């Protein structure tokens, strides 16, 4: 009796293993290079340009502060031997003032630019997600993975071009 139960369990396990393998073979799996699709989108370059335009004046102000600080530092180094103590102290105060102003303006500007860039990139990633969903539904994919999650996939699994076409259609 025990032998019969063991054989039954072994047969059931073998049968379920074979069934799950055949069920997996019927699934349609796709792979998308999201980063590649993102970089291929013309909107990605437009993001950078629009951010540069949006923050142009503040970026130029920070660049000017950097140039001023460098000019004063070079002048102090170059002319220190011929300057009076008062001139040296005045120039050092100017350098410190420029550094303080630069630290007050540069880091917040950089954070604002990064936040704005993230907002715009998230919008585009949302479009890519919608395009992936549309392509997967239209072509009957059961599972879609990002290329970063897959160590190897044949080219016929790559649906990046179709996703890029869908994104471009949506706009």
C-alpha atoms as a PDB file:
ATOM      1  CA  UNK A   1       0.000   0.000   0.000  1.00  0.00           C
ATOM      2  CA  UNK A   2       2.804   2.408   0.913  1.00  0.00           C
ATOM      3  CA  UNK A   3       4.543   1.608  -2.332  1.00  0.00           C
ATOM      4  CA  UNK A   4       1.395   2.396  -4.319  1.00  0.00           C
ATOM      5  CA  UNK A   5       0.991   5.780  -2.576  1.00  0.00           C
ATOM      6  CA  UNK A   6       4.647   6.657  -3.263  1.00  0.00           C
ATOM      7  CA  UNK A   7       4.240   5.777  -6.935  1.00  0.00           C
ATOM      8  CA  UNK A   8       1.056   7.807  -7.156  1.00  0.00           C
ATOM      9  CA  UNK A   9       2.741  10.869  -5.598  1.00  0.00           C
ATOM     10  CA  UNK A  10       5.789  10.512  -7.851  1.00  0.00           C
ATOM     11  CA  UNK A  11       3.545  10.244 -10.916  1.00  0.00           C
ATOM     12  CA  UNK A  12       1.522  13.265  -9.838  1.00  0.00           C
ATOM     13  CA  UNK A  13       4.687  15.331  -9.294  1.00  0.00           C
ATOM     14  CA  UNK A  14       6.128  14.293 -12.662  1.00  0.00           C
ATOM     15  CA  UNK A  15       2.845  15.093 -14.375  1.00  0.00           C
ATOM     16  CA  UNK A  16       2.582  18.525 -12.779  1.00  0.00           C
ATOM     17  CA  UNK A  17       6.175  19.305 -13.729  1.00  0.00           C
ATOM     18  CA  UNK A  18       5.489  18.386 -17.339  1.00  0.00           C
ATOM     19  CA  UNK A  19       2.275  20.411 -17.355  1.00  0.00           C
ATOM     20  CA  UNK A  20       3.957  23.516 -15.958  1.00  0.00           C
ATOM     21  CA  UNK A  21       6.746  23.254 -18.550  1.00  0.00           C
ATOM     22  CA  UNK A  22       4.269  23.013 -21.413  1.00  0.00           C
ATOM     23  CA  UNK A  23       2.205  25.860 -19.962  1.00  0.00           C
ATOM     24  CA  UNK A  24       5.283  28.050 -19.781  1.00  0.00           C
ATOM     25  CA  UNK A  25       6.184  27.220 -23.371  1.00  0.00           C
ATOM     26  CA  UNK A  26       2.853  28.665 -24.479  1.00  0.00           C
ATOM     27  CA  UNK A  27       3.452  32.033 -22.822  1.00  0.00           C
ATOM     28  CA  UNK A  28       4.512  34.934 -25.012  1.00  0.00           C
ATOM     29  CA  UNK A  29       7.329  36.875 -23.387  1.00  0.00           C
ATOM     30  CA  UNK A  30       8.738  40.217 -24.494  1.00  0.00           C
ATOM     31  CA  UNK A  31      11.746  42.287 -23.497  1.00  0.00           C
ATOM     32  CA  UNK A  32      11.958  46.089 -23.672  1.00  0.00           C
ATOM     33  CA  UNK A  33      15.055  48.273 -23.394  1.00  0.00           C
ATOM     34  CA  UNK A  34      13.297  51.153 -21.620  1.00  0.00           C
ATOM     35  CA  UNK A  35      16.471  53.245 -21.377  1.00  0.00           C
ATOM     36  CA  UNK A  36      17.156  52.768 -25.094  1.00  0.00           C
ATOM     37  CA  UNK A  37      13.588  53.720 -25.992  1.00  0.00           C
ATOM     38  CA  UNK A  38      13.829  56.783 -23.739  1.00  0.00           C
ATOM     39  CA  UNK A  39      17.078  57.938 -25.344  1.00  0.00           C
ATOM     40  CA  UNK A  40      15.675  57.390 -28.839  1.00  0.00           C
ATOM     41  CA  UNK A  41      12.711  59.628 -28.167  1.00  0.00           C
ATOM     42  CA  UNK A  42      13.056  63.145 -29.598  1.00  0.00           C
ATOM     43  CA  UNK A  43      11.307  64.460 -26.483  1.00  0.00           C
ATOM     44  CA  UNK A  44      14.310  63.397 -24.356  1.00  0.00           C
ATOM     45  CA  UNK A  45      16.558  65.942 -26.087  1.00  0.00           C
ATOM     46  CA  UNK A  46      13.810  68.544 -25.871  1.00  0.00           C
ATOM     47  CA  UNK A  47      13.719  68.124 -22.093  1.00  0.00           C
ATOM     48  CA  UNK A  48      17.357  69.150 -21.774  1.00  0.00           C
ATOM     49  CA  UNK A  49      16.893  72.130 -24.069  1.00  0.00           C
ATOM     50  CA  UNK A  50      13.743  73.360 -22.332  1.00  0.00           C
ATOM     51  CA  UNK A  51      15.405  73.108 -18.922  1.00  0.00           C
ATOM     52  CA  UNK A  52      18.417  75.059 -20.171  1.00  0.00           C
ATOM     53  CA  UNK A  53      16.109  77.780 -21.483  1.00  0.00           C
ATOM     54  CA  UNK A  54      13.987  77.788 -18.326  1.00  0.00           C
ATOM     55  CA  UNK A  55      16.967  78.243 -15.996  1.00  0.00           C
ATOM     56  CA  UNK A  56      19.224  80.164 -18.405  1.00  0.00           C
ATOM     57  CA  UNK A  57      19.444  83.395 -16.400  1.00  0.00           C
ATOM     58  CA  UNK A  58      20.165  81.667 -13.097  1.00  0.00           C
ATOM     59  CA  UNK A  59      22.742  79.358 -14.693  1.00  0.00           C
ATOM     60  CA  UNK A  60      24.490  82.359 -16.226  1.00  0.00           C
ATOM     61  CA  UNK A  61      24.467  84.131 -12.854  1.00  0.00           C
ATOM     62  CA  UNK A  62      26.132  81.135 -11.180  1.00  0.00           C
ATOM     63  CA  UNK A  63      28.676  80.860 -14.002  1.00  0.00           C
ATOM     64  CA  UNK A  64      29.489  84.561 -13.618  1.00  0.00           C
ATOM     65  CA  UNK A  65      30.016  84.102  -9.878  1.00  0.00           C
ATOM     66  CA  UNK A  66      32.403  81.228 -10.598  1.00  0.00           C
ATOM     67  CA  UNK A  67      34.347  83.348 -13.096  1.00  0.00           C
ATOM     68  CA  UNK A  68      34.503  86.262 -10.632  1.00  0.00           C
ATOM     69  CA  UNK A  69      35.771  84.025  -7.852  1.00  0.00           C
ATOM     70  CA  UNK A  70      38.403  82.520 -10.115  1.00  0.00           C
ATOM     71  CA  UNK A  71      39.478  85.979 -11.313  1.00  0.00           C
ATOM     72  CA  UNK A  72      39.874  87.285  -7.751  1.00  0.00           C
ATOM     73  CA  UNK A  73      41.780  84.176  -6.644  1.00  0.00           C
ATOM     74  CA  UNK A  74      44.145  84.390  -9.612  1.00  0.00           C
ATOM     75  CA  UNK A  75      44.662  88.108  -9.026  1.00  0.00           C
ATOM     76  CA  UNK A  76      45.454  87.507  -5.356  1.00  0.00           C
ATOM     77  CA  UNK A  77      47.931  84.773  -6.224  1.00  0.00           C
ATOM     78  CA  UNK A  78      49.545  86.789  -9.020  1.00  0.00           C
ATOM     79  CA  UNK A  79      49.740  90.217  -7.378  1.00  0.00           C
ATOM     80  CA  UNK A  80      50.047  89.334  -3.692  1.00  0.00           C
ATOM     81  CA  UNK A  81      53.709  90.329  -3.568  1.00  0.00           C
ATOM     82  CA  UNK A  82      52.994  93.878  -4.725  1.00  0.00           C
ATOM     83  CA  UNK A  83      49.745  94.454  -2.799  1.00  0.00           C
ATOM     84  CA  UNK A  84      49.398  96.163   0.535  1.00  0.00           C
ATOM     85  CA  UNK A  85      47.900  94.217   3.429  1.00  0.00           C
ATOM     86  CA  UNK A  86      44.652  96.159   3.116  1.00  0.00           C
ATOM     87  CA  UNK A  87      44.338  95.295  -0.602  1.00  0.00           C
ATOM     88  CA  UNK A  88      44.993  91.622   0.169  1.00  0.00           C
ATOM     89  CA  UNK A  89      42.333  91.617   2.886  1.00  0.00           C
ATOM     90  CA  UNK A  90      39.827  93.376   0.621  1.00  0.00           C
ATOM     91  CA  UNK A  91      40.428  90.851  -2.149  1.00  0.00           C
ATOM     92  CA  UNK A  92      40.158  87.940   0.282  1.00  0.00           C
ATOM     93  CA  UNK A  93      36.851  89.365   1.527  1.00  0.00           C
ATOM     94  CA  UNK A  94      35.619  89.594  -2.066  1.00  0.00           C
ATOM     95  CA  UNK A  95      36.611  85.960  -2.638  1.00  0.00           C
ATOM     96  CA  UNK A  96      34.779  84.860   0.531  1.00  0.00           C
ATOM     97  CA  UNK A  97      31.710  86.885  -0.444  1.00  0.00           C
ATOM     98  CA  UNK A  98      31.630  85.315  -3.903  1.00  0.00           C
ATOM     99  CA  UNK A  99      32.033  81.820  -2.431  1.00  0.00           C
ATOM    100  CA  UNK A 100      29.180  82.380   0.021  1.00  0.00           C
ATOM    101  CA  UNK A 101      26.891  83.730  -2.676  1.00  0.00           C
ATOM    102  CA  UNK A 102      27.877  80.885  -4.963  1.00  0.00           C
ATOM    103  CA  UNK A 103      27.105  78.271  -2.330  1.00  0.00           C
ATOM    104  CA  UNK A 104      23.724  79.917  -1.635  1.00  0.00           C
ATOM    105  CA  UNK A 105      22.765  79.915  -5.311  1.00  0.00           C
ATOM    106  CA  UNK A 106      24.506  76.961  -6.981  1.00  0.00           C
ATOM    107  CA  UNK A 107      23.276  74.037  -4.897  1.00  0.00           C
ATOM    108  CA  UNK A 108      19.596  75.078  -4.805  1.00  0.00           C
ATOM    109  CA  UNK A 109      19.730  75.743  -8.548  1.00  0.00           C
ATOM    110  CA  UNK A 110      21.236  72.340  -9.195  1.00  0.00           C
ATOM    111  CA  UNK A 111      18.558  70.693  -7.052  1.00  0.00           C
ATOM    112  CA  UNK A 112      15.779  72.593  -8.846  1.00  0.00           C
ATOM    113  CA  UNK A 113      17.154  71.603 -12.248  1.00  0.00           C
ATOM    114  CA  UNK A 114      17.393  67.966 -11.174  1.00  0.00           C
ATOM    115  CA  UNK A 115      13.844  68.007  -9.779  1.00  0.00           C
ATOM    116  CA  UNK A 116      12.517  69.557 -12.992  1.00  0.00           C
ATOM    117  CA  UNK A 117      14.430  67.028 -15.110  1.00  0.00           C
ATOM    118  CA  UNK A 118      12.989  64.175 -13.036  1.00  0.00           C
ATOM    119  CA  UNK A 119       9.450  65.523 -13.481  1.00  0.00           C
ATOM    120  CA  UNK A 120       9.842  65.667 -17.254  1.00  0.00           C
ATOM    121  CA  UNK A 121      11.519  62.259 -17.445  1.00  0.00           C
ATOM    122  CA  UNK A 122       8.731  60.711 -15.376  1.00  0.00           C
ATOM    123  CA  UNK A 123       6.190  62.052 -17.875  1.00  0.00           C
ATOM    124  CA  UNK A 124       8.082  60.366 -20.716  1.00  0.00           C
ATOM    125  CA  UNK A 125       8.463  57.149 -18.744  1.00  0.00           C
ATOM    126  CA  UNK A 126       4.694  57.200 -18.256  1.00  0.00           C
ATOM    127  CA  UNK A 127       4.266  57.421 -22.031  1.00  0.00           C
ATOM    128  CA  UNK A 128       6.663  54.510 -22.465  1.00  0.00           C
ATOM    129  CA  UNK A 129       4.710  52.465 -19.904  1.00  0.00           C
ATOM    130  CA  UNK A 130       1.460  53.151 -21.762  1.00  0.00           C
ATOM    131  CA  UNK A 131       3.106  52.166 -25.048  1.00  0.00           C
ATOM    132  CA  UNK A 132       4.401  48.919 -23.518  1.00  0.00           C
ATOM    133  CA  UNK A 133       0.910  48.126 -22.221  1.00  0.00           C
ATOM    134  CA  UNK A 134      -0.629  48.859 -25.623  1.00  0.00           C
ATOM    135  CA  UNK A 135       1.886  46.766 -27.581  1.00  0.00           C
ATOM    136  CA  UNK A 136       1.641  43.910 -25.069  1.00  0.00           C
ATOM    137  CA  UNK A 137      -2.167  43.906 -25.256  1.00  0.00           C
ATOM    138  CA  UNK A 138      -2.286  44.211 -29.053  1.00  0.00           C
ATOM    139  CA  UNK A 139       0.211  41.427 -29.662  1.00  0.00           C
ATOM    140  CA  UNK A 140      -0.860  39.121 -26.843  1.00  0.00           C
ATOM    141  CA  UNK A 141       2.217  39.204 -24.633  1.00  0.00           C
ATOM    142  CA  UNK A 142       1.782  37.435 -21.309  1.00  0.00           C
ATOM    143  CA  UNK A 143       4.912  38.840 -19.720  1.00  0.00           C
ATOM    144  CA  UNK A 144       7.086  41.867 -20.517  1.00  0.00           C
ATOM    145  CA  UNK A 145      10.461  42.329 -18.830  1.00  0.00           C
ATOM    146  CA  UNK A 146      12.934  45.191 -18.930  1.00  0.00           C
ATOM    147  CA  UNK A 147      16.229  44.401 -20.603  1.00  0.00           C
ATOM    148  CA  UNK A 148      18.026  45.068 -17.307  1.00  0.00           C
ATOM    149  CA  UNK A 149      16.141  42.187 -15.688  1.00  0.00           C
ATOM    150  CA  UNK A 150      17.192  39.703 -18.369  1.00  0.00           C
ATOM    151  CA  UNK A 151      20.698  38.371 -18.828  1.00  0.00           C
ATOM    152  CA  UNK A 152      19.981  36.972 -22.305  1.00  0.00           C
ATOM    153  CA  UNK A 153      17.117  37.091 -24.768  1.00  0.00           C
ATOM    154  CA  UNK A 154      16.882  36.317 -28.462  1.00  0.00           C
ATOM    155  CA  UNK A 155      16.171  39.255 -30.737  1.00  0.00           C
ATOM    156  CA  UNK A 156      12.685  38.009 -31.547  1.00  0.00           C
ATOM    157  CA  UNK A 157      11.722  38.703 -27.904  1.00  0.00           C
ATOM    158  CA  UNK A 158      12.843  42.336 -28.102  1.00  0.00           C
ATOM    159  CA  UNK A 159       9.849  44.611 -28.562  1.00  0.00           C
ATOM    160  CA  UNK A 160      11.682  47.926 -28.056  1.00  0.00           C
ATOM    161  CA  UNK A 161      11.195  49.102 -31.653  1.00  0.00           C
ATOM    162  CA  UNK A 162       7.462  48.430 -31.491  1.00  0.00           C
ATOM    163  CA  UNK A 163       7.246  50.353 -28.216  1.00  0.00           C
ATOM    164  CA  UNK A 164       9.168  53.284 -29.722  1.00  0.00           C
ATOM    165  CA  UNK A 165       6.816  53.313 -32.720  1.00  0.00           C
ATOM    166  CA  UNK A 166       3.810  53.276 -30.376  1.00  0.00           C
ATOM    167  CA  UNK A 167       5.224  56.170 -28.327  1.00  0.00           C
ATOM    168  CA  UNK A 168       5.786  58.193 -31.491  1.00  0.00           C
ATOM    169  CA  UNK A 169       2.217  57.439 -32.654  1.00  0.00           C
ATOM    170  CA  UNK A 170       0.825  58.635 -29.332  1.00  0.00           C
ATOM    171  CA  UNK A 171       2.386  62.080 -29.760  1.00  0.00           C
END
